[in-house]
PDB file of N, CA and C in Angstrom:
ATOM      1  N   UNK A   1      57.043 -52.895  22.662  1.00  0.00           N
ATOM      2  CA  UNK A   1      56.829 -52.167  21.609  1.00  0.00           C
ATOM      3  C   UNK A   1      57.072 -50.416  21.596  1.00  0.00           C
ATOM      4  N   UNK A   2      57.821 -49.899  20.791  1.00  0.00           N
ATOM      5  CA  UNK A   2      57.585 -48.034  20.623  1.00  0.00           C
ATOM      6  C   UNK A   2      56.244 -48.064  20.345  1.00  0.00           C
ATOM      7  N   UNK A   3      56.018 -46.759  20.707  1.00  0.00           N
ATOM      8  CA  UNK A   3      55.037 -46.048  20.689  1.00  0.00           C
ATOM      9  C   UNK A   3      54.998 -45.141  19.217  1.00  0.00           C
ATOM     10  N   UNK A   4      54.011 -44.316  19.133  1.00  0.00           N
ATOM     11  CA  UNK A   4      53.866 -43.707  17.366  1.00  0.00           C
ATOM     12  C   UNK A   4      54.562 -42.824  18.191  1.00  0.00           C
ATOM     13  N   UNK A   5      54.513 -42.073  19.441  1.00  0.00           N
ATOM     14  CA  UNK A   5      55.332 -40.496  19.705  1.00  0.00           C
ATOM     15  C   UNK A   5      56.771 -40.883  19.712  1.00  0.00           C
ATOM     16  N   UNK A   6      56.822 -42.004  19.986  1.00  0.00           N
ATOM     17  CA  UNK A   6      58.526 -42.566  20.165  1.00  0.00           C
ATOM     18  C   UNK A   6      58.956 -42.442  18.512  1.00  0.00           C
ATOM     19  N   UNK A   7      58.273 -43.096  17.668  1.00  0.00           N
ATOM     20  CA  UNK A   7      58.954 -42.905  16.409  1.00  0.00           C
ATOM     21  C   UNK A   7      58.787 -41.398  15.728  1.00  0.00           C
ATOM     22  N   UNK A   8      57.838 -40.657  16.041  1.00  0.00           N
ATOM     23  CA  UNK A   8      57.974 -39.530  15.683  1.00  0.00           C
ATOM     24  C   UNK A   8      58.704 -38.328  16.519  1.00  0.00           C
ATOM     25  N   UNK A   9      58.999 -38.766  17.250  1.00  0.00           N
ATOM     26  CA  UNK A   9      60.251 -37.695  18.242  1.00  0.00           C
ATOM     27  C   UNK A   9      61.472 -38.353  17.350  1.00  0.00           C
ATOM     28  N   UNK A  10      61.618 -39.525  17.327  1.00  0.00           N
ATOM     29  CA  UNK A  10      63.032 -40.170  16.746  1.00  0.00           C
ATOM     30  C   UNK A  10      63.178 -39.492  15.002  1.00  0.00           C
ATOM     31  N   UNK A  11      61.957 -39.651  14.881  1.00  0.00           N
ATOM     32  CA  UNK A  11      61.794 -39.105  13.065  1.00  0.00           C
ATOM     33  C   UNK A  11      62.131 -37.425  13.126  1.00  0.00           C
ATOM     34  N   UNK A  12      61.715 -36.510  14.344  1.00  0.00           N
ATOM     35  CA  UNK A  12      62.009 -35.219  14.037  1.00  0.00           C
ATOM     36  C   UNK A  12      63.437 -34.963  14.146  1.00  0.00           C
ATOM     37  N   UNK A  13      64.051 -36.023  15.003  1.00  0.00           N
ATOM     38  CA  UNK A  13      65.697 -36.035  15.494  1.00  0.00           C
ATOM     39  C   UNK A  13      66.291 -35.976  14.070  1.00  0.00           C
ATOM     40  N   UNK A  14      66.187 -37.156  13.530  1.00  0.00           N
ATOM     41  CA  UNK A  14      66.704 -37.343  12.369  1.00  0.00           C
ATOM     42  C   UNK A  14      66.539 -36.345  11.241  1.00  0.00           C
ATOM     43  N   UNK A  15      65.526 -35.997  10.989  1.00  0.00           N
ATOM     44  CA  UNK A  15      64.919 -34.667  10.136  1.00  0.00           C
ATOM     45  C   UNK A  15      66.031 -33.717  10.192  1.00  0.00           C
ATOM     46  N   UNK A  16      66.197 -33.541  11.687  1.00  0.00           N
ATOM     47  CA  UNK A  16      66.722 -32.354  11.935  1.00  0.00           C
ATOM     48  C   UNK A  16      68.673 -32.266  11.467  1.00  0.00           C
ATOM     49  N   UNK A  17      68.705 -33.417  11.708  1.00  0.00           N
ATOM     50  CA  UNK A  17      69.895 -33.974  11.992  1.00  0.00           C
ATOM     51  C   UNK A  17      70.205 -34.167  10.128  1.00  0.00           C
ATOM     52  N   UNK A  18      69.543 -34.559   9.237  1.00  0.00           N
ATOM     53  CA  UNK A  18      69.409 -33.947   7.876  1.00  0.00           C
ATOM     54  C   UNK A  18      69.565 -33.342   7.665  1.00  0.00           C
ATOM     55  N   UNK A  19      68.788 -32.085   7.642  1.00  0.00           N
ATOM     56  CA  UNK A  19      68.740 -30.514   7.741  1.00  0.00           C
ATOM     57  C   UNK A  19      70.091 -29.870   7.703  1.00  0.00           C
ATOM     58  N   UNK A  20      71.211 -30.392   8.723  1.00  0.00           N
ATOM     59  CA  UNK A  20      71.943 -29.883   8.998  1.00  0.00           C
ATOM     60  C   UNK A  20      73.376 -30.472   8.454  1.00  0.00           C
ATOM     61  N   UNK A  21      73.407 -31.935   8.003  1.00  0.00           N
ATOM     62  CA  UNK A  21      74.144 -32.703   7.121  1.00  0.00           C
ATOM     63  C   UNK A  21      75.335 -31.706   6.440  1.00  0.00           C
ATOM     64  N   UNK A  22      76.260 -31.779   6.113  1.00  0.00           N
ATOM     65  CA  UNK A  22      77.242 -30.831   4.911  1.00  0.00           C
ATOM     66  C   UNK A  22      77.142 -31.886   3.615  1.00  0.00           C
ATOM     67  N   UNK A  23      76.733 -33.279   3.603  1.00  0.00           N
ATOM     68  CA  UNK A  23      77.260 -34.268   3.015  1.00  0.00           C
ATOM     69  C   UNK A  23      75.980 -34.532   2.806  1.00  0.00           C
ATOM     70  N   UNK A  24      75.756 -34.294   1.065  1.00  0.00           N
ATOM     71  CA  UNK A  24      74.560 -34.862   1.081  1.00  0.00           C
ATOM     72  C   UNK A  24      73.611 -36.076   0.849  1.00  0.00           C
ATOM     73  N   UNK A  25      75.129 -37.421   0.703  1.00  0.00           N
ATOM     74  CA  UNK A  25      74.746 -38.564   0.693  1.00  0.00           C
ATOM     75  C   UNK A  25      73.648 -38.764   2.595  1.00  0.00           C
ATOM     76  N   UNK A  26      74.741 -38.303   3.129  1.00  0.00           N
ATOM     77  CA  UNK A  26      74.451 -38.847   4.715  1.00  0.00           C
ATOM     78  C   UNK A  26      73.340 -38.060   4.790  1.00  0.00           C
ATOM     79  N   UNK A  27      73.066 -36.842   4.478  1.00  0.00           N
ATOM     80  CA  UNK A  27      71.896 -35.998   4.204  1.00  0.00           C
ATOM     81  C   UNK A  27      70.467 -36.683   3.853  1.00  0.00           C
ATOM     82  N   UNK A  28      70.651 -37.752   2.815  1.00  0.00           N
ATOM     83  CA  UNK A  28      69.471 -38.254   2.198  1.00  0.00           C
ATOM     84  C   UNK A  28      68.976 -39.565   2.995  1.00  0.00           C
ATOM     85  N   UNK A  29      70.424 -40.144   3.574  1.00  0.00           N
ATOM     86  CA  UNK A  29      70.166 -41.049   4.628  1.00  0.00           C
ATOM     87  C   UNK A  29      69.160 -41.043   5.292  1.00  0.00           C
ATOM     88  N   UNK A  30      69.329 -40.036   6.224  1.00  0.00           N
ATOM     89  CA  UNK A  30      68.973 -39.553   7.451  1.00  0.00           C
ATOM     90  C   UNK A  30      67.466 -39.180   7.366  1.00  0.00           C
ATOM     91  N   UNK A  31      67.526 -38.402   6.121  1.00  0.00           N
ATOM     92  CA  UNK A  31      65.919 -38.497   6.002  1.00  0.00           C
ATOM     93  C   UNK A  31      65.028 -39.264   5.298  1.00  0.00           C
ATOM     94  N   UNK A  32      65.334 -40.650   4.444  1.00  0.00           N
ATOM     95  CA  UNK A  32      64.751 -41.417   4.480  1.00  0.00           C
ATOM     96  C   UNK A  32      64.453 -42.345   5.720  1.00  0.00           C
ATOM     97  N   UNK A  33      65.507 -42.348   6.322  1.00  0.00           N
ATOM     98  CA  UNK A  33      65.503 -42.992   7.851  1.00  0.00           C
ATOM     99  C   UNK A  33      64.087 -42.620   8.467  1.00  0.00           C
ATOM    100  N   UNK A  34      63.951 -41.091   8.545  1.00  0.00           N
ATOM    101  CA  UNK A  34      63.511 -40.062   9.353  1.00  0.00           C
ATOM    102  C   UNK A  34      61.911 -40.647   8.621  1.00  0.00           C
ATOM    103  N   UNK A  35      61.796 -40.464   7.229  1.00  0.00           N
ATOM    104  CA  UNK A  35      60.833 -40.831   6.615  1.00  0.00           C
ATOM    105  C   UNK A  35      59.992 -42.122   7.449  1.00  0.00           C
ATOM    106  N   UNK A  36      60.701 -43.046   7.144  1.00  0.00           N
ATOM    107  CA  UNK A  36      60.460 -44.508   7.574  1.00  0.00           C
ATOM    108  C   UNK A  36      60.064 -44.521   9.044  1.00  0.00           C
ATOM    109  N   UNK A  37      60.375 -43.900   9.641  1.00  0.00           N
ATOM    110  CA  UNK A  37      59.835 -43.300  11.256  1.00  0.00           C
ATOM    111  C   UNK A  37      58.285 -42.899  11.124  1.00  0.00           C
ATOM    112  N   UNK A  38      58.393 -42.083  10.258  1.00  0.00           N
ATOM    113  CA  UNK A  38      57.431 -41.358  10.339  1.00  0.00           C
ATOM    114  C   UNK A  38      55.703 -42.421  10.080  1.00  0.00           C
ATOM    115  N   UNK A  39      56.281 -43.011   8.936  1.00  0.00           N
ATOM    116  CA  UNK A  39      55.609 -44.003   8.696  1.00  0.00           C
ATOM    117  C   UNK A  39      55.055 -44.900   9.311  1.00  0.00           C
ATOM    118  N   UNK A  40      56.353 -45.644  10.402  1.00  0.00           N
ATOM    119  CA  UNK A  40      55.781 -46.471  11.349  1.00  0.00           C
ATOM    120  C   UNK A  40      55.336 -45.434  12.453  1.00  0.00           C
ATOM    121  N   UNK A  41      55.265 -44.432  12.896  1.00  0.00           N
ATOM    122  CA  UNK A  41      54.174 -43.404  13.878  1.00  0.00           C
ATOM    123  C   UNK A  41      52.870 -42.927  13.586  1.00  0.00           C
ATOM    124  N   UNK A  42      52.467 -43.596  12.093  1.00  0.00           N
ATOM    125  CA  UNK A  42      50.863 -43.666  11.375  1.00  0.00           C
ATOM    126  C   UNK A  42      50.381 -44.730  11.635  1.00  0.00           C
ATOM    127  N   UNK A  43      50.988 -45.824  11.940  1.00  0.00           N
ATOM    128  CA  UNK A  43      50.581 -47.225  11.827  1.00  0.00           C
ATOM    129  C   UNK A  43      49.778 -47.347  12.869  1.00  0.00           C
ATOM    130  N   UNK A  44      48.616 -48.121  13.079  1.00  0.00           N
ATOM    131  CA  UNK A  44      47.870 -48.197  14.414  1.00  0.00           C
ATOM    132  C   UNK A  44      48.650 -49.198  15.275  1.00  0.00           C
ATOM    133  N   UNK A  45      48.281 -48.905  16.204  1.00  0.00           N
ATOM    134  CA  UNK A  45      49.526 -49.540  17.533  1.00  0.00           C
ATOM    135  C   UNK A  45      49.036 -50.781  17.725  1.00  0.00           C
ATOM    136  N   UNK A  46      48.246 -51.657  17.223  1.00  0.00           N
ATOM    137  CA  UNK A  46      47.758 -52.581  17.378  1.00  0.00           C
ATOM    138  C   UNK A  46      47.793 -53.234  15.542  1.00  0.00           C
ATOM    139  N   UNK A  47      48.506 -52.604  15.051  1.00  0.00           N
ATOM    140  CA  UNK A  47      48.668 -53.331  13.807  1.00  0.00           C
ATOM    141  C   UNK A  47      49.717 -54.686  13.713  1.00  0.00           C
ATOM    142  N   UNK A  48      48.749 -55.540  12.811  1.00  0.00           N
ATOM    143  CA  UNK A  48      49.457 -56.898  12.654  1.00  0.00           C
ATOM    144  C   UNK A  48      50.718 -56.655  11.459  1.00  0.00           C
ATOM    145  N   UNK A  49      50.807 -55.257  10.651  1.00  0.00           N
ATOM    146  CA  UNK A  49      51.591 -54.962   9.644  1.00  0.00           C
ATOM    147  C   UNK A  49      52.745 -54.978  10.946  1.00  0.00           C
ATOM    148  N   UNK A  50      52.846 -54.189  12.251  1.00  0.00           N
ATOM    149  CA  UNK A  50      54.174 -53.823  12.679  1.00  0.00           C
ATOM    150  C   UNK A  50      54.729 -55.198  13.339  1.00  0.00           C
ATOM    151  N   UNK A  51      53.685 -56.397  13.794  1.00  0.00           N
ATOM    152  CA  UNK A  51      54.242 -57.755  13.735  1.00  0.00           C
ATOM    153  C   UNK A  51      55.430 -57.871  13.045  1.00  0.00           C
ATOM    154  N   UNK A  52      54.725 -57.621  11.802  1.00  0.00           N
ATOM    155  CA  UNK A  52      55.802 -58.645  10.765  1.00  0.00           C
ATOM    156  C   UNK A  52      57.037 -57.968  10.295  1.00  0.00           C
ATOM    157  N   UNK A  53      57.184 -56.636  10.661  1.00  0.00           N
ATOM    158  CA  UNK A  53      58.382 -55.723  10.518  1.00  0.00           C
ATOM    159  C   UNK A  53      59.651 -56.405  10.860  1.00  0.00           C
ATOM    160  N   UNK A  54      59.459 -57.245  12.564  1.00  0.00           N
ATOM    161  CA  UNK A  54      61.024 -57.896  12.331  1.00  0.00           C
ATOM    162  C   UNK A  54      60.892 -58.777  11.569  1.00  0.00           C
ATOM    163  N   UNK A  55      60.455 -59.466  10.830  1.00  0.00           N
ATOM    164  CA  UNK A  55      60.835 -60.772   9.879  1.00  0.00           C
ATOM    165  C   UNK A  55      60.943 -59.738   8.388  1.00  0.00           C
ATOM    166  N   UNK A  56      60.534 -58.603   8.348  1.00  0.00           N
ATOM    167  CA  UNK A  56      60.671 -58.157   6.820  1.00  0.00           C
ATOM    168  C   UNK A  56      61.855 -57.692   7.051  1.00  0.00           C
ATOM    169  N   UNK A  57      62.211 -56.913   7.947  1.00  0.00           N
ATOM    170  CA  UNK A  57      63.743 -56.598   8.233  1.00  0.00           C
ATOM    171  C   UNK A  57      64.818 -57.814   8.162  1.00  0.00           C
ATOM    172  N   UNK A  58      64.402 -58.694   8.781  1.00  0.00           N
ATOM    173  CA  UNK A  58      65.511 -59.921   8.559  1.00  0.00           C
ATOM    174  C   UNK A  58      65.587 -60.647   7.227  1.00  0.00           C
ATOM    175  N   UNK A  59      64.302 -60.490   6.418  1.00  0.00           N
ATOM    176  CA  UNK A  59      64.345 -60.808   4.742  1.00  0.00           C
ATOM    177  C   UNK A  59      65.010 -59.912   4.160  1.00  0.00           C
ATOM    178  N   UNK A  60      65.077 -58.435   4.682  1.00  0.00           N
ATOM    179  CA  UNK A  60      66.039 -57.186   3.651  1.00  0.00           C
ATOM    180  C   UNK A  60      67.226 -57.552   3.699  1.00  0.00           C
ATOM    181  N   UNK A  61      67.764 -57.586   4.890  1.00  0.00           N
ATOM    182  CA  UNK A  61      69.061 -57.796   5.470  1.00  0.00           C
ATOM    183  C   UNK A  61      69.695 -58.858   4.723  1.00  0.00           C
ATOM    184  N   UNK A  62      68.805 -60.293   4.447  1.00  0.00           N
ATOM    185  CA  UNK A  62      69.787 -61.618   4.211  1.00  0.00           C
ATOM    186  C   UNK A  62      69.489 -61.496   2.353  1.00  0.00           C
ATOM    187  N   UNK A  63      68.485 -60.287   2.000  1.00  0.00           N
ATOM    188  CA  UNK A  63      68.693 -59.969   0.384  1.00  0.00           C
ATOM    189  C   UNK A  63      69.836 -59.152   0.488  1.00  0.00           C
ATOM    190  N   UNK A  64      70.170 -58.366   1.023  1.00  0.00           N
ATOM    191  CA  UNK A  64      71.274 -57.484   0.849  1.00  0.00           C
ATOM    192  C   UNK A  64      72.607 -58.073   1.100  1.00  0.00           C
ATOM    193  N   UNK A  65      72.932 -59.020   2.114  1.00  0.00           N
ATOM    194  CA  UNK A  65      73.834 -59.980   2.448  1.00  0.00           C
ATOM    195  C   UNK A  65      73.839 -60.362   1.057  1.00  0.00           C
ATOM    196  N   UNK A  66      73.203 -61.457  -0.061  1.00  0.00           N
ATOM    197  CA  UNK A  66      73.065 -62.251  -0.846  1.00  0.00           C
ATOM    198  C   UNK A  66      73.696 -61.377  -2.083  1.00  0.00           C
ATOM    199  N   UNK A  67      73.402 -59.852  -2.294  1.00  0.00           N
ATOM    200  CA  UNK A  67      73.245 -58.943  -3.507  1.00  0.00           C
ATOM    201  C   UNK A  67      74.890 -58.498  -3.116  1.00  0.00           C
ATOM    202  N   UNK A  68      75.654 -58.560  -1.918  1.00  0.00           N
ATOM    203  CA  UNK A  68      76.682 -58.151  -1.652  1.00  0.00           C
ATOM    204  C   UNK A  68      78.038 -59.440  -2.063  1.00  0.00           C
ATOM    205  N   UNK A  69      77.184 -60.602  -1.995  1.00  0.00           N
ATOM    206  CA  UNK A  69      77.952 -62.042  -2.215  1.00  0.00           C
ATOM    207  C   UNK A  69      78.064 -61.970  -3.729  1.00  0.00           C
ATOM    208  N   UNK A  70      76.909 -61.455  -4.164  1.00  0.00           N
ATOM    209  CA  UNK A  70      77.049 -62.049  -5.692  1.00  0.00           C
ATOM    210  C   UNK A  70      77.871 -60.813  -6.695  1.00  0.00           C
ATOM    211  N   UNK A  71      78.186 -59.658  -5.852  1.00  0.00           N
ATOM    212  CA  UNK A  71      78.891 -58.978  -6.444  1.00  0.00           C
ATOM    213  C   UNK A  71      80.379 -58.635  -6.465  1.00  0.00           C
TER     214      UNK A  71
END
């Protein structure tokens, strides 16, 4: 499982890319993902929430697929 340090380093990288991006939409996506990683970096290492992350990601992906099929 990644550590807080890993998430922090990845977030810094994404946020620096967001500042350098010329396309505002891409910059916004990079910034949003960077913020998500900073949130994960601030979670306690033994958090039960972190254990649920893969399940939540799977659920959210299924919802997106469902929305795309309906449109």
